[in-house]
Structures are given as C-alpha cells and as structure tokens.
C-alpha atoms as a PDB file:
ATOM      1  CA  MET A   1      20.234  -5.632   9.210  1.00  0.00           C
ATOM      2  CA  VAL A   2      21.686  -2.236   8.393  1.00  0.00           C
ATOM      3  CA  ASN A   3      19.070  -1.741   5.687  1.00  0.00           C
ATOM      4  CA  SER A   4      16.145  -2.452   7.995  1.00  0.00           C
ATOM      5  CA  LEU A   5      17.610  -0.142  10.622  1.00  0.00           C
ATOM      6  CA  SER A   6      17.968   2.675   8.099  1.00  0.00           C
ATOM      7  CA  TYR A   7      14.375   2.069   6.974  1.00  0.00           C
ATOM      8  CA  VAL A   8      13.146   2.314  10.565  1.00  0.00           C
ATOM      9  CA  ILE A   9      15.059   5.564  11.066  1.00  0.00           C
ATOM     10  CA  PHE A  10      13.734   6.908   7.762  1.00  0.00           C
ATOM     11  CA  TYR A  11      10.121   6.104   8.653  1.00  0.00           C
ATOM     12  CA  ALA A  12      10.512   7.511  12.147  1.00  0.00           C
ATOM     13  CA  TYR A  13      11.905  10.698  10.586  1.00  0.00           C
ATOM     14  CA  LEU A  14       8.950  10.868   8.185  1.00  0.00           C
ATOM     15  CA  LEU A  15       6.446  10.324  10.987  1.00  0.00           C
ATOM     16  CA  TYR A  16       8.171  13.061  12.977  1.00  0.00           C
ATOM     17  CA  LEU A  17       8.199  15.540  10.085  1.00  0.00           C
ATOM     18  CA  PHE A  18       4.756  14.743   8.655  1.00  0.00           C
ATOM     19  CA  PRO A  19       2.647  16.636  11.260  1.00  0.00           C
ATOM     20  CA  CYS A  20       4.926  19.654  10.958  1.00  0.00           C
ATOM     21  CA  MET A  21       4.663  19.601   7.165  1.00  0.00           C
ATOM     22  CA  VAL A  22       0.878  19.269   7.324  1.00  0.00           C
ATOM     23  CA  TYR A  23       0.670  22.120   9.840  1.00  0.00           C
ATOM     24  CA  CYS A  24       2.888  24.353   7.708  1.00  0.00           C
ATOM     25  CA  LEU A  25       0.878  23.490   4.588  1.00  0.00           C
ATOM     26  CA  PHE A  26      -2.456  24.203   6.262  1.00  0.00           C
ATOM     27  CA  SER A  27      -1.260  27.470   7.780  1.00  0.00           C
ATOM     28  CA  ASN A  28       0.026  28.599   4.375  1.00  0.00           C
ATOM     29  CA  LEU A  29      -3.264  27.541   2.777  1.00  0.00           C
ATOM     30  CA  ASN A  30      -5.196  29.461   5.436  1.00  0.00           C
ATOM     31  CA  GLY A  31      -3.147  32.593   4.842  1.00  0.00           C
ATOM     32  CA  TRP A  32      -3.539  32.221   1.078  1.00  0.00           C
ATOM     33  CA  MET A  33      -7.322  31.808   1.376  1.00  0.00           C
ATOM     34  CA  TYR A  34      -7.463  34.808   3.701  1.00  0.00           C
ATOM     35  CA  VAL A  35      -5.579  36.948   1.163  1.00  0.00           C
ATOM     36  CA  CYS A  36      -7.887  35.759  -1.617  1.00  0.00           C
ATOM     37  CA  LEU A  37     -10.989  36.543   0.416  1.00  0.00           C
ATOM     38  CA  GLN A  38      -9.666  39.969   1.377  1.00  0.00           C
ATOM     39  CA  SER A  39      -8.867  40.882  -2.239  1.00  0.00           C
ATOM     40  CA  HIS A  40     -12.278  39.605  -3.366  1.00  0.00           C
ATOM     41  CA  ARG A  41     -14.005  41.630  -0.658  1.00  0.00           C
ATOM     42  CA  GLU A  42     -12.114  44.769  -1.697  1.00  0.00           C
ATOM     43  CA  ARG A  43     -13.099  44.216  -5.317  1.00  0.00           C
ATOM     44  CA  SER A  44     -16.784  43.603  -4.574  1.00  0.00           C
ATOM     45  CA  GLY A  45     -17.354  46.362  -2.121  1.00  0.00           C
END
C-alpha cells in the first residue's frame, strides 16, 4: 500500500514538473538557436 502511494505521488510529481521542464528546454533551445542565427548573420553579412 505504501509503495503504490509513493508511486502515485512520484508520477503526480513527474506530471507536474514535465510541462515546466519542456517549457524551460524549449525556451533555452529558442535562445540558443537565436544566438546561432545572430552569429551566422554577422558572419555572412
């Protein structure tokens, strides 16, 4: 019983954190791509 309860809490925690992690990852990726594009633009012209 205690094990199943801990699993439920663990999965609820994961489901709660997952969108935040995805959002943080995508925002970092966006910033990284922006920096890459800016540096490429400066190099090319």
